[in-house]
Amino acid sequence: MLVMGVLAFAKSPPFPDTLLGLRELRRRGHRLGVISNTERRLIRITLSGLEDVFDWVVTAEDTGHYKPALDAFTRAYSIMGVNMGEVVHVSAYPQYDLEAASRLGVKTVLVDRYGYTWKPSVKDTRGIAHTLGE
């Protein structure tokens, strides 16, 4: 039963705006990555059909750490080969992503899906490029 629940969660479709916002960021020349608290097997199911959108997909299995541990982020950015000063970390969860990324000096943006408070924030992914000043 638990496995079925995990697989059902892994197959959750993205929010309707997600692909539009991500494709717009890619069109503007941004590289895109995922840092996930899951394992490679499950993230492949979750991102099925979206593989071409992301340059990197890094999981807790890859980093050896779960978010919000700072090591999860530093290791993921290292695997991606990116400088933290060039990263904009976008998430709907301040407690798992934005607080830790911010402590590392990474720019952050909240996608306001669940009523959390964070600045800056956008209502959906289509607003990310605008928030970046583009």
Protein backbone atom coordinates (compact mmCIF):
# COMPACT_ATOMS: atom_id res chain seq x y z
CA MET A 1 0.00 0.00 0.00
CA LEU A 2 2.75 2.47 0.88
CA VAL A 3 4.57 1.71 -2.36
CA MET A 4 1.42 2.46 -4.32
CA GLY A 5 1.06 5.75 -2.44
CA VAL A 6 4.64 6.68 -3.22
CA LEU A 7 4.23 5.78 -6.88
CA ALA A 8 0.96 7.71 -7.08
CA PHE A 9 2.71 10.75 -5.58
CA ALA A 10 5.64 10.29 -7.96
CA LYS A 11 3.22 10.39 -10.92
CA SER A 12 1.55 13.63 -9.77
CA PRO A 13 1.13 15.94 -12.76
CA PRO A 14 2.81 19.35 -12.65
CA PHE A 15 0.75 22.47 -12.02
CA PRO A 16 -0.69 23.82 -15.30
CA ASP A 17 1.65 26.84 -15.35
CA THR A 18 4.81 24.89 -14.62
CA LEU A 19 5.81 23.86 -18.12
CA LEU A 20 4.99 27.31 -19.53
CA GLY A 21 7.13 29.07 -16.94
CA LEU A 22 10.03 26.65 -17.27
CA ARG A 23 10.01 26.81 -21.06
CA GLU A 24 10.02 30.63 -20.89
CA LEU A 25 13.05 30.58 -18.59
CA ARG A 26 14.81 28.18 -20.96
CA ARG A 27 13.90 30.39 -23.94
CA ARG A 28 15.59 33.28 -22.15
CA GLY A 29 18.77 31.24 -21.83
CA HIS A 30 18.53 30.02 -18.25
CA ARG A 31 19.79 26.60 -17.27
CA LEU A 32 17.36 24.69 -15.09
CA GLY A 33 17.86 22.09 -12.41
CA VAL A 34 15.97 20.09 -9.84
CA ILE A 35 17.15 19.28 -6.32
CA SER A 36 14.84 16.59 -4.98
CA ASN A 37 14.48 14.87 -1.61
CA THR A 38 13.81 11.58 -3.33
CA GLU A 39 15.71 8.86 -5.13
CA ARG A 40 16.56 8.67 -8.83
CA ARG A 41 14.00 5.94 -9.53
CA LEU A 42 11.09 8.04 -8.24
CA ILE A 43 12.20 11.36 -9.74
CA ARG A 44 12.35 9.71 -13.18
CA ILE A 45 8.67 8.85 -12.79
CA THR A 46 7.81 12.34 -11.53
CA LEU A 47 9.61 14.09 -14.39
CA SER A 48 8.43 11.73 -17.11
CA GLY A 49 7.79 13.86 -20.18
CA LEU A 50 9.74 16.82 -18.76
CA GLU A 51 13.24 15.43 -19.09
CA ASP A 52 14.23 17.85 -21.87
CA VAL A 53 13.38 20.87 -19.69
CA PHE A 54 16.12 20.31 -17.09
CA ASP A 55 19.88 20.47 -17.42
CA TRP A 56 20.36 18.74 -14.06
CA VAL A 57 18.33 16.50 -11.82
CA VAL A 58 20.01 15.89 -8.45
CA THR A 59 18.41 13.75 -5.77
CA ALA A 60 19.05 13.06 -2.09
CA GLU A 61 20.44 9.76 -3.31
CA ASP A 62 23.07 11.73 -5.27
CA THR A 63 23.98 14.17 -2.49
CA GLY A 64 23.72 11.83 0.48
CA HIS A 65 21.68 14.48 2.31
CA TYR A 66 18.05 15.53 2.61
CA LYS A 67 16.84 19.10 2.41
CA PRO A 68 16.79 21.34 4.38
CA ALA A 69 20.32 20.29 5.40
CA LEU A 70 22.76 22.83 4.00
CA ASP A 71 24.94 19.96 2.74
CA ALA A 72 22.09 18.86 0.45
CA PHE A 73 22.31 22.22 -1.33
CA THR A 74 26.08 22.67 -1.37
CA ARG A 75 26.58 19.14 -2.66
CA ALA A 76 23.83 19.53 -5.31
CA TYR A 77 25.29 22.84 -6.57
CA SER A 78 28.71 21.19 -6.67
CA ILE A 79 27.36 18.23 -8.68
CA MET A 80 25.78 20.74 -11.08
CA GLY A 81 29.06 22.65 -11.30
CA VAL A 82 27.37 25.98 -10.58
CA ASN A 83 28.49 28.92 -8.47
CA MET A 84 26.00 29.66 -5.69
CA GLY A 85 26.23 33.34 -6.56
CA GLU A 86 24.71 32.58 -9.97
CA VAL A 87 21.86 30.42 -8.70
CA VAL A 88 18.25 31.45 -8.19
CA HIS A 89 16.55 28.78 -6.10
CA VAL A 90 12.80 28.60 -6.75
CA SER A 91 10.44 26.61 -4.55
CA ALA A 92 6.96 26.53 -3.07
CA TYR A 93 8.42 25.51 0.31
CA PRO A 94 10.42 27.98 2.40
CA GLN A 95 11.04 25.42 5.15
CA TYR A 96 12.60 22.80 2.86
CA ASP A 97 14.31 24.97 0.28
CA LEU A 98 14.30 28.74 0.53
CA GLU A 99 15.46 29.19 4.12
CA ALA A 100 18.50 26.96 3.63
CA ALA A 101 19.37 28.33 0.18
CA SER A 102 19.08 31.86 1.53
CA ARG A 103 21.44 31.04 4.43
CA LEU A 104 23.98 30.02 1.80
CA GLY A 105 23.64 33.40 0.09
CA VAL A 106 21.64 32.03 -2.84
CA LYS A 107 18.93 34.22 -4.37
CA THR A 108 15.50 32.73 -3.81
CA VAL A 109 11.96 33.04 -5.17
CA LEU A 110 8.81 31.55 -3.69
CA VAL A 111 6.12 30.18 -5.99
CA ASP A 112 3.08 30.89 -3.82
CA ARG A 113 1.13 27.66 -4.09
CA TYR A 114 0.26 27.14 -0.41
CA GLY A 115 0.04 30.56 1.24
CA TYR A 116 3.57 30.79 2.67
CA THR A 117 5.14 34.22 3.07
CA TRP A 118 8.48 34.96 1.37
CA LYS A 119 9.97 37.79 -0.63
CA PRO A 120 10.17 37.80 -3.52
CA SER A 121 7.25 35.62 -4.45
CA VAL A 122 5.26 34.90 -7.60
CA LYS A 123 1.80 33.40 -8.03
CA ASP A 124 2.99 30.86 -10.59
CA THR A 125 6.10 29.96 -12.57
CA ARG A 126 5.25 32.32 -15.40
CA GLY A 127 6.19 35.20 -13.08
CA ILE A 128 9.73 34.04 -12.34
CA ALA A 129 11.38 35.77 -15.33
CA HIS A 130 9.69 39.04 -14.40
CA THR A 131 10.91 38.72 -10.79
CA LEU A 132 14.44 38.26 -12.11
CA GLY A 133 14.12 41.64 -13.82
CA GLU A 134 13.74 40.32 -17.34
